[in-house]
N, C-alpha and C. Protein backbone atom coordinates (compact mmCIF):
# COMPACT_ATOMS: atom_id res chain seq x y z
N UNK A 1 -96.99 124.37 81.61
CA UNK A 1 -96.70 124.71 80.24
C UNK A 1 -95.64 123.76 79.72
N UNK A 2 -95.89 123.18 78.59
CA UNK A 2 -94.92 122.29 77.99
C UNK A 2 -93.82 123.12 77.35
N UNK A 3 -92.60 122.65 77.41
CA UNK A 3 -91.49 123.35 76.78
C UNK A 3 -90.88 124.38 77.70
N UNK A 4 -89.93 125.09 77.15
CA UNK A 4 -89.16 126.07 77.89
C UNK A 4 -89.94 127.37 78.09
N UNK A 5 -89.75 127.97 79.24
CA UNK A 5 -90.37 129.26 79.51
C UNK A 5 -89.65 130.36 78.74
N UNK A 6 -90.14 131.57 78.88
CA UNK A 6 -89.55 132.72 78.21
C UNK A 6 -89.27 133.79 79.26
N UNK A 7 -88.50 134.82 78.91
CA UNK A 7 -88.31 135.91 79.88
C UNK A 7 -89.64 136.53 80.34
N UNK A 8 -90.62 136.58 79.45
CA UNK A 8 -91.94 137.12 79.81
C UNK A 8 -92.61 136.26 80.87
N UNK A 9 -92.63 134.95 80.68
CA UNK A 9 -93.28 134.07 81.65
C UNK A 9 -92.50 134.05 82.96
N UNK A 10 -91.17 134.15 82.88
CA UNK A 10 -90.34 134.19 84.09
C UNK A 10 -90.64 135.45 84.91
N UNK A 11 -90.80 136.58 84.23
CA UNK A 11 -91.11 137.82 84.92
C UNK A 11 -92.46 137.73 85.64
N UNK A 12 -93.46 137.18 84.97
CA UNK A 12 -94.78 137.03 85.58
C UNK A 12 -94.72 136.13 86.81
N UNK A 13 -93.97 135.03 86.71
CA UNK A 13 -93.83 134.12 87.84
C UNK A 13 -93.11 134.80 89.00
N UNK A 14 -92.04 135.51 88.68
CA UNK A 14 -91.25 136.19 89.72
C UNK A 14 -92.07 137.24 90.45
N UNK A 15 -92.91 137.97 89.72
CA UNK A 15 -93.72 139.03 90.33
C UNK A 15 -95.04 138.52 90.89
N UNK A 16 -95.37 137.25 90.65
CA UNK A 16 -96.61 136.68 91.17
C UNK A 16 -97.86 137.27 90.53
N UNK A 17 -97.76 137.64 89.27
CA UNK A 17 -98.89 138.26 88.56
C UNK A 17 -99.82 137.18 88.03
N UNK A 18 -101.10 137.33 88.28
CA UNK A 18 -102.10 136.39 87.80
C UNK A 18 -102.16 136.46 86.27
N UNK A 19 -102.07 135.31 85.64
CA UNK A 19 -102.11 135.25 84.18
C UNK A 19 -102.47 133.83 83.74
N UNK A 20 -102.82 133.69 82.48
CA UNK A 20 -103.11 132.40 81.89
C UNK A 20 -102.31 132.28 80.61
N UNK A 21 -101.67 131.14 80.43
CA UNK A 21 -100.92 130.88 79.20
C UNK A 21 -101.82 130.14 78.22
N UNK A 22 -101.75 130.55 76.96
CA UNK A 22 -102.49 129.90 75.88
C UNK A 22 -101.50 129.54 74.79
N UNK A 23 -101.56 128.30 74.34
CA UNK A 23 -100.68 127.88 73.25
C UNK A 23 -101.53 127.45 72.06
N UNK A 24 -100.94 127.56 70.89
CA UNK A 24 -101.57 127.10 69.66
C UNK A 24 -100.46 126.74 68.69
N UNK A 25 -100.81 125.97 67.69
CA UNK A 25 -99.85 125.56 66.68
C UNK A 25 -99.68 126.69 65.67
N UNK A 26 -98.52 127.31 65.67
CA UNK A 26 -98.24 128.42 64.76
C UNK A 26 -98.06 127.92 63.33
N UNK A 27 -98.73 128.57 62.40
CA UNK A 27 -98.60 128.27 60.97
C UNK A 27 -97.73 129.36 60.35
N UNK A 28 -96.51 129.05 59.92
CA UNK A 28 -95.61 130.07 59.37
C UNK A 28 -96.14 130.75 58.10
N UNK A 29 -97.17 130.17 57.48
CA UNK A 29 -97.74 130.77 56.27
C UNK A 29 -98.76 131.85 56.60
N UNK A 30 -99.19 131.94 57.86
CA UNK A 30 -100.19 132.94 58.24
C UNK A 30 -99.58 134.33 58.13
N UNK A 31 -100.35 135.28 57.60
CA UNK A 31 -99.84 136.63 57.36
C UNK A 31 -99.76 137.50 58.61
N UNK A 32 -100.60 137.26 59.59
CA UNK A 32 -100.62 138.08 60.80
C UNK A 32 -100.57 137.18 62.03
N UNK A 33 -99.48 137.31 62.80
CA UNK A 33 -99.34 136.49 64.00
C UNK A 33 -100.48 136.74 64.99
N UNK A 34 -100.86 138.01 65.15
CA UNK A 34 -101.91 138.35 66.11
C UNK A 34 -103.28 137.84 65.70
N UNK A 35 -103.61 138.02 64.42
CA UNK A 35 -104.91 137.51 63.95
C UNK A 35 -104.92 135.99 64.00
N UNK A 36 -103.79 135.38 63.72
CA UNK A 36 -103.69 133.92 63.83
C UNK A 36 -103.99 133.48 65.26
N UNK A 37 -103.41 134.19 66.23
CA UNK A 37 -103.64 133.85 67.64
C UNK A 37 -105.11 134.01 68.00
N UNK A 38 -105.73 135.11 67.58
CA UNK A 38 -107.15 135.33 67.88
C UNK A 38 -108.01 134.21 67.32
N UNK A 39 -107.76 133.85 66.07
CA UNK A 39 -108.53 132.77 65.43
C UNK A 39 -108.30 131.44 66.14
N UNK A 40 -107.04 131.12 66.39
CA UNK A 40 -106.71 129.82 67.00
C UNK A 40 -107.27 129.68 68.41
N UNK A 41 -107.32 130.81 69.14
CA UNK A 41 -107.77 130.76 70.53
C UNK A 41 -109.24 131.13 70.69
N UNK A 42 -109.89 131.56 69.61
CA UNK A 42 -111.31 131.88 69.66
C UNK A 42 -111.62 133.11 70.50
N UNK A 43 -110.77 134.13 70.42
CA UNK A 43 -111.02 135.36 71.17
C UNK A 43 -111.19 136.53 70.19
N UNK A 44 -111.85 137.57 70.65
CA UNK A 44 -112.04 138.76 69.82
C UNK A 44 -110.67 139.35 69.49
N UNK A 45 -110.40 139.65 68.23
CA UNK A 45 -109.08 140.16 67.86
C UNK A 45 -108.74 141.50 68.53
N UNK A 46 -109.73 142.26 68.95
CA UNK A 46 -109.48 143.53 69.62
C UNK A 46 -108.81 143.33 70.98
N UNK A 47 -108.95 142.12 71.54
CA UNK A 47 -108.33 141.80 72.84
C UNK A 47 -106.90 141.30 72.70
N UNK A 48 -106.51 140.96 71.48
CA UNK A 48 -105.15 140.46 71.24
C UNK A 48 -104.29 141.65 70.83
N UNK A 49 -103.23 141.88 71.60
CA UNK A 49 -102.38 143.04 71.37
C UNK A 49 -101.07 142.63 70.70
N UNK A 50 -100.64 143.45 69.75
CA UNK A 50 -99.35 143.21 69.10
C UNK A 50 -98.33 144.17 69.70
N UNK A 51 -97.09 143.76 69.63
CA UNK A 51 -95.98 144.54 70.17
C UNK A 51 -95.11 144.98 69.01
N UNK A 52 -95.06 146.28 68.78
CA UNK A 52 -94.28 146.83 67.67
C UNK A 52 -93.16 147.71 68.22
N UNK A 53 -91.99 147.59 67.61
CA UNK A 53 -90.86 148.38 68.04
C UNK A 53 -90.60 149.47 67.01
N UNK A 54 -90.50 150.69 67.51
CA UNK A 54 -90.19 151.86 66.69
C UNK A 54 -89.01 152.58 67.33
N UNK A 55 -88.52 153.57 66.65
CA UNK A 55 -87.55 154.46 67.28
C UNK A 55 -88.21 155.83 67.37
N UNK A 56 -88.12 156.43 68.55
CA UNK A 56 -88.63 157.77 68.77
C UNK A 56 -87.42 158.64 69.09
N UNK A 57 -87.15 159.56 68.19
CA UNK A 57 -85.96 160.40 68.31
C UNK A 57 -84.71 159.55 68.55
N UNK A 58 -84.62 158.41 67.85
CA UNK A 58 -83.47 157.53 67.92
C UNK A 58 -83.47 156.52 69.05
N UNK A 59 -84.50 156.54 69.91
CA UNK A 59 -84.58 155.62 71.06
C UNK A 59 -85.59 154.52 70.75
N UNK A 60 -85.17 153.26 70.91
CA UNK A 60 -86.11 152.15 70.72
C UNK A 60 -87.27 152.31 71.69
N UNK A 61 -88.48 152.27 71.14
CA UNK A 61 -89.70 152.49 71.91
C UNK A 61 -90.73 151.46 71.45
N UNK A 62 -91.48 150.93 72.39
CA UNK A 62 -92.42 149.86 72.10
C UNK A 62 -93.86 150.39 72.13
N UNK A 63 -94.61 150.03 71.11
CA UNK A 63 -96.03 150.33 71.07
C UNK A 63 -96.81 149.03 71.16
N UNK A 64 -97.81 148.99 72.02
CA UNK A 64 -98.64 147.80 72.21
C UNK A 64 -100.07 148.19 71.88
N UNK A 65 -100.65 147.54 70.86
CA UNK A 65 -101.95 147.94 70.35
C UNK A 65 -102.69 146.74 69.80
N UNK A 66 -104.00 146.86 69.59
CA UNK A 66 -104.78 145.74 69.07
C UNK A 66 -104.26 145.28 67.70
N UNK A 67 -104.30 143.98 67.46
CA UNK A 67 -103.82 143.43 66.19
C UNK A 67 -104.66 143.92 65.02
N UNK A 68 -105.85 144.44 65.32
CA UNK A 68 -106.73 144.93 64.26
C UNK A 68 -106.38 146.36 63.84
N UNK A 69 -105.49 147.02 64.57
CA UNK A 69 -105.17 148.42 64.28
C UNK A 69 -103.79 148.60 63.68
N UNK A 70 -103.53 149.84 63.29
CA UNK A 70 -102.22 150.22 62.79
C UNK A 70 -101.63 151.24 63.76
N UNK A 71 -100.32 151.16 63.94
CA UNK A 71 -99.63 152.08 64.84
C UNK A 71 -99.58 153.47 64.22
N UNK A 72 -100.04 154.45 64.97
CA UNK A 72 -99.95 155.86 64.58
C UNK A 72 -98.61 156.37 65.12
N UNK A 73 -97.62 156.48 64.22
CA UNK A 73 -96.27 156.86 64.64
C UNK A 73 -96.21 158.24 65.26
N UNK A 74 -97.00 159.16 64.75
CA UNK A 74 -97.02 160.52 65.31
C UNK A 74 -97.55 160.49 66.74
N UNK A 75 -98.60 159.70 66.98
CA UNK A 75 -99.18 159.58 68.32
C UNK A 75 -98.20 158.87 69.27
N UNK A 76 -97.48 157.86 68.76
CA UNK A 76 -96.48 157.17 69.59
C UNK A 76 -95.39 158.15 70.00
N UNK A 77 -94.89 158.92 69.05
CA UNK A 77 -93.85 159.90 69.36
C UNK A 77 -94.32 160.87 70.43
N UNK A 78 -95.53 161.39 70.28
CA UNK A 78 -96.07 162.35 71.25
C UNK A 78 -96.21 161.70 72.63
N UNK A 79 -96.73 160.47 72.67
CA UNK A 79 -96.92 159.77 73.95
C UNK A 79 -95.59 159.49 74.64
N UNK A 80 -94.54 159.26 73.84
CA UNK A 80 -93.22 158.97 74.40
C UNK A 80 -92.43 160.25 74.68
N UNK A 81 -93.03 161.42 74.42
CA UNK A 81 -92.36 162.67 74.70
C UNK A 81 -91.34 163.06 73.63
N UNK A 82 -91.52 162.51 72.43
CA UNK A 82 -90.58 162.81 71.35
C UNK A 82 -91.24 163.54 70.21
N UNK A 83 -90.43 163.77 69.17
CA UNK A 83 -90.92 164.51 68.01
C UNK A 83 -91.17 163.61 66.80
N UNK A 84 -90.28 162.65 66.55
CA UNK A 84 -90.39 161.85 65.33
C UNK A 84 -90.20 160.36 65.64
N UNK A 85 -91.09 159.56 65.04
CA UNK A 85 -90.99 158.11 65.22
C UNK A 85 -90.97 157.44 63.86
N UNK A 86 -90.27 156.32 63.80
CA UNK A 86 -90.28 155.48 62.61
C UNK A 86 -90.18 154.03 63.07
N UNK A 87 -90.69 153.13 62.26
CA UNK A 87 -90.64 151.71 62.61
C UNK A 87 -89.17 151.26 62.67
N UNK A 88 -88.87 150.42 63.63
CA UNK A 88 -87.51 149.88 63.75
C UNK A 88 -87.32 148.78 62.73
N UNK A 89 -86.12 148.64 62.27
CA UNK A 89 -85.74 147.52 61.41
C UNK A 89 -85.98 146.23 62.21
N UNK A 90 -86.48 145.15 61.57
CA UNK A 90 -86.74 143.92 62.32
C UNK A 90 -85.53 143.40 63.11
N UNK A 91 -84.34 143.48 62.54
CA UNK A 91 -83.15 143.02 63.26
C UNK A 91 -82.89 143.88 64.50
N UNK A 92 -83.10 145.19 64.37
CA UNK A 92 -82.92 146.09 65.51
C UNK A 92 -83.97 145.80 66.59
N UNK A 93 -85.20 145.51 66.18
CA UNK A 93 -86.26 145.17 67.14
C UNK A 93 -85.89 143.90 67.90
N UNK A 94 -85.36 142.93 67.20
CA UNK A 94 -84.96 141.67 67.85
C UNK A 94 -83.80 141.92 68.82
N UNK A 95 -82.83 142.72 68.43
CA UNK A 95 -81.70 143.03 69.33
C UNK A 95 -82.17 143.78 70.57
N UNK A 96 -83.06 144.74 70.38
CA UNK A 96 -83.53 145.57 71.50
C UNK A 96 -84.35 144.78 72.52
N UNK A 97 -85.14 143.82 72.03
CA UNK A 97 -86.06 143.11 72.92
C UNK A 97 -85.57 141.73 73.35
N UNK A 98 -84.73 141.11 72.53
CA UNK A 98 -84.30 139.75 72.82
C UNK A 98 -85.26 138.69 72.30
N UNK A 99 -86.25 139.10 71.53
CA UNK A 99 -87.25 138.19 70.98
C UNK A 99 -87.22 138.22 69.46
N UNK A 100 -87.75 137.15 68.84
CA UNK A 100 -87.85 137.13 67.38
C UNK A 100 -89.14 137.82 66.94
N UNK A 101 -89.08 138.43 65.76
CA UNK A 101 -90.26 139.08 65.20
C UNK A 101 -91.37 138.04 65.10
N UNK A 102 -92.57 138.44 65.50
CA UNK A 102 -93.70 137.52 65.53
C UNK A 102 -93.87 136.89 66.90
N UNK A 103 -92.87 137.07 67.75
CA UNK A 103 -92.94 136.56 69.11
C UNK A 103 -92.46 137.59 70.12
N UNK A 104 -92.43 138.86 69.71
CA UNK A 104 -91.96 139.90 70.63
C UNK A 104 -93.03 140.17 71.68
N UNK A 105 -92.64 139.97 72.91
CA UNK A 105 -93.53 140.24 74.04
C UNK A 105 -93.24 141.64 74.57
N UNK A 106 -94.25 142.29 75.14
CA UNK A 106 -93.96 143.56 75.80
C UNK A 106 -93.28 143.37 77.16
N UNK A 107 -93.17 142.13 77.61
CA UNK A 107 -92.57 141.82 78.91
C UNK A 107 -91.21 141.14 78.75
N UNK A 108 -90.32 141.40 79.69
CA UNK A 108 -89.07 140.64 79.75
C UNK A 108 -88.02 141.03 78.73
N UNK A 109 -87.98 142.29 78.34
CA UNK A 109 -86.96 142.73 77.38
C UNK A 109 -85.57 142.69 78.01
N UNK A 110 -84.56 142.68 77.16
CA UNK A 110 -83.16 142.67 77.63
C UNK A 110 -82.87 143.87 78.51
N UNK A 111 -83.40 145.02 78.15
CA UNK A 111 -83.26 146.22 78.97
C UNK A 111 -84.59 146.96 78.93
N UNK A 112 -84.80 147.82 79.91
CA UNK A 112 -86.07 148.55 80.01
C UNK A 112 -86.21 149.51 78.83
N UNK A 113 -87.26 149.33 78.05
CA UNK A 113 -87.54 150.19 76.91
C UNK A 113 -88.79 151.02 77.21
N UNK A 114 -88.83 152.27 76.74
CA UNK A 114 -90.08 153.03 76.89
C UNK A 114 -91.20 152.27 76.19
N UNK A 115 -92.36 152.19 76.81
CA UNK A 115 -93.45 151.40 76.29
C UNK A 115 -94.75 152.19 76.39
N UNK A 116 -95.53 152.16 75.32
CA UNK A 116 -96.83 152.83 75.29
C UNK A 116 -97.89 151.80 74.95
N UNK A 117 -98.90 151.69 75.79
CA UNK A 117 -100.02 150.78 75.57
C UNK A 117 -101.20 151.61 75.06
N UNK A 118 -101.82 151.14 73.99
CA UNK A 118 -102.99 151.83 73.46
C UNK A 118 -104.10 151.85 74.51
N UNK A 119 -104.75 153.00 74.63
CA UNK A 119 -105.79 153.19 75.64
C UNK A 119 -106.94 152.19 75.51
N UNK A 120 -107.17 151.67 74.32
CA UNK A 120 -108.28 150.71 74.13
C UNK A 120 -108.10 149.45 74.97
N UNK A 121 -106.87 149.12 75.34
CA UNK A 121 -106.63 147.91 76.14
C UNK A 121 -107.37 147.96 77.47
N UNK A 122 -107.52 149.17 78.01
CA UNK A 122 -108.16 149.30 79.32
C UNK A 122 -109.66 149.05 79.29
N UNK A 123 -110.24 148.87 78.11
CA UNK A 123 -111.68 148.59 78.04
C UNK A 123 -112.01 147.12 78.27
N UNK A 124 -110.98 146.28 78.37
CA UNK A 124 -111.18 144.84 78.55
C UNK A 124 -110.71 144.40 79.94
N UNK A 125 -111.36 143.37 80.49
CA UNK A 125 -110.93 142.82 81.77
C UNK A 125 -109.57 142.15 81.63
N UNK A 126 -109.37 141.46 80.50
CA UNK A 126 -108.07 140.86 80.21
C UNK A 126 -107.75 141.05 78.74
N UNK A 127 -106.45 141.05 78.45
CA UNK A 127 -105.96 141.13 77.08
C UNK A 127 -104.95 140.00 76.88
N UNK A 128 -104.65 139.72 75.62
CA UNK A 128 -103.65 138.70 75.32
C UNK A 128 -102.47 139.37 74.64
N UNK A 129 -101.27 139.00 75.09
CA UNK A 129 -100.03 139.52 74.52
C UNK A 129 -99.14 138.34 74.17
N UNK A 130 -98.17 138.57 73.33
CA UNK A 130 -97.24 137.50 72.99
C UNK A 130 -96.50 137.06 74.24
N UNK A 131 -96.31 135.76 74.34
CA UNK A 131 -95.58 135.21 75.47
C UNK A 131 -94.09 135.13 75.25
N UNK A 132 -93.63 135.60 74.10
CA UNK A 132 -92.19 135.59 73.84
C UNK A 132 -91.76 134.58 72.81
N UNK A 133 -92.72 133.90 72.22
CA UNK A 133 -92.43 133.02 71.09
C UNK A 133 -93.72 132.82 70.31
N UNK A 134 -93.57 132.49 69.05
CA UNK A 134 -94.74 132.27 68.20
C UNK A 134 -95.52 131.07 68.74
N UNK A 135 -96.83 131.24 68.86
CA UNK A 135 -97.68 130.16 69.35
C UNK A 135 -97.91 130.19 70.85
N UNK A 136 -97.44 131.23 71.53
CA UNK A 136 -97.64 131.36 72.97
C UNK A 136 -98.19 132.75 73.28
N UNK A 137 -99.37 132.78 73.88
CA UNK A 137 -100.00 134.04 74.28
C UNK A 137 -100.21 134.03 75.79
N UNK A 138 -100.08 135.22 76.38
CA UNK A 138 -100.31 135.41 77.81
C UNK A 138 -101.57 136.26 77.96
N UNK A 139 -102.51 135.77 78.77
CA UNK A 139 -103.70 136.55 79.09
C UNK A 139 -103.52 137.14 80.47
N UNK A 140 -103.70 138.45 80.58
CA UNK A 140 -103.55 139.12 81.86
C UNK A 140 -104.37 140.41 81.86
N UNK A 141 -104.52 140.99 83.03
CA UNK A 141 -105.25 142.24 83.16
C UNK A 141 -104.41 143.37 82.56
N UNK A 142 -105.04 144.29 81.81
CA UNK A 142 -104.28 145.40 81.24
C UNK A 142 -103.53 146.21 82.31
N UNK A 143 -104.14 146.37 83.49
CA UNK A 143 -103.47 147.12 84.56
C UNK A 143 -102.16 146.46 84.97
N UNK A 144 -102.12 145.12 84.96
CA UNK A 144 -100.88 144.42 85.30
C UNK A 144 -99.82 144.64 84.22
N UNK A 145 -100.24 144.61 82.96
CA UNK A 145 -99.31 144.87 81.87
C UNK A 145 -98.72 146.27 82.00
N UNK A 146 -99.57 147.23 82.28
CA UNK A 146 -99.13 148.63 82.40
C UNK A 146 -98.18 148.80 83.58
N UNK A 147 -98.51 148.19 84.70
CA UNK A 147 -97.66 148.29 85.89
C UNK A 147 -96.31 147.62 85.67
N UNK A 148 -96.32 146.41 85.15
CA UNK A 148 -95.07 145.65 84.94
C UNK A 148 -94.10 146.35 83.99
N UNK A 149 -94.63 147.05 83.02
CA UNK A 149 -93.79 147.68 82.01
C UNK A 149 -93.59 149.17 82.25
N UNK A 150 -94.20 149.72 83.29
CA UNK A 150 -94.17 151.16 83.56
C UNK A 150 -94.60 151.93 82.31
N UNK A 151 -95.64 151.42 81.67
CA UNK A 151 -96.10 151.95 80.39
C UNK A 151 -96.84 153.26 80.55
N UNK A 152 -96.77 154.03 79.48
CA UNK A 152 -97.63 155.18 79.29
C UNK A 152 -98.87 154.65 78.57
N UNK A 153 -100.04 155.16 78.90
CA UNK A 153 -101.27 154.74 78.22
C UNK A 153 -101.73 155.93 77.37
N UNK A 154 -101.93 155.67 76.09
CA UNK A 154 -102.34 156.73 75.17
C UNK A 154 -102.97 156.12 73.92
N UNK A 155 -103.75 156.89 73.21
CA UNK A 155 -104.34 156.44 71.96
C UNK A 155 -103.25 156.45 70.88
N UNK A 156 -102.76 155.27 70.50
CA UNK A 156 -101.68 155.20 69.50
C UNK A 156 -102.09 154.39 68.28
N UNK A 157 -103.37 154.05 68.18
CA UNK A 157 -103.86 153.29 67.04
C UNK A 157 -104.46 154.24 66.01
N UNK A 158 -104.00 154.09 64.77
CA UNK A 158 -104.51 154.94 63.68
C UNK A 158 -105.88 154.47 63.27
């Protein structure tokens, strides 16, 4: 991989998890980072997962779901064992994860955050997640993503 690695790629290397890195030229004018990645890499957008940070009962919580879907906050709260969820402020999401918005990976956060992966991810042999910066995607098995993040799996897409 050309350029500097990220905490996400470092974690995968450290754990010896099989994965493939995909890079593309990020266009800052594109409205959706995930759809941009799907188009640039020629993969079905349902296989490209976005990482969204919310707060569930005041605790930063991560939802990972297809870029084609919308996060169901009520379902996220229930999956995380809480009552109420709301989207985190972008600055708070960046502080909690250590990544910039548009490049937030579900892997390699500054501290362990509760994470919920949408159940649809398990229907694919591999999925693509942000590698920790815009223009970098990691392809890996959903089971590896779930194991590495100690994720809960639940239907969280509206």
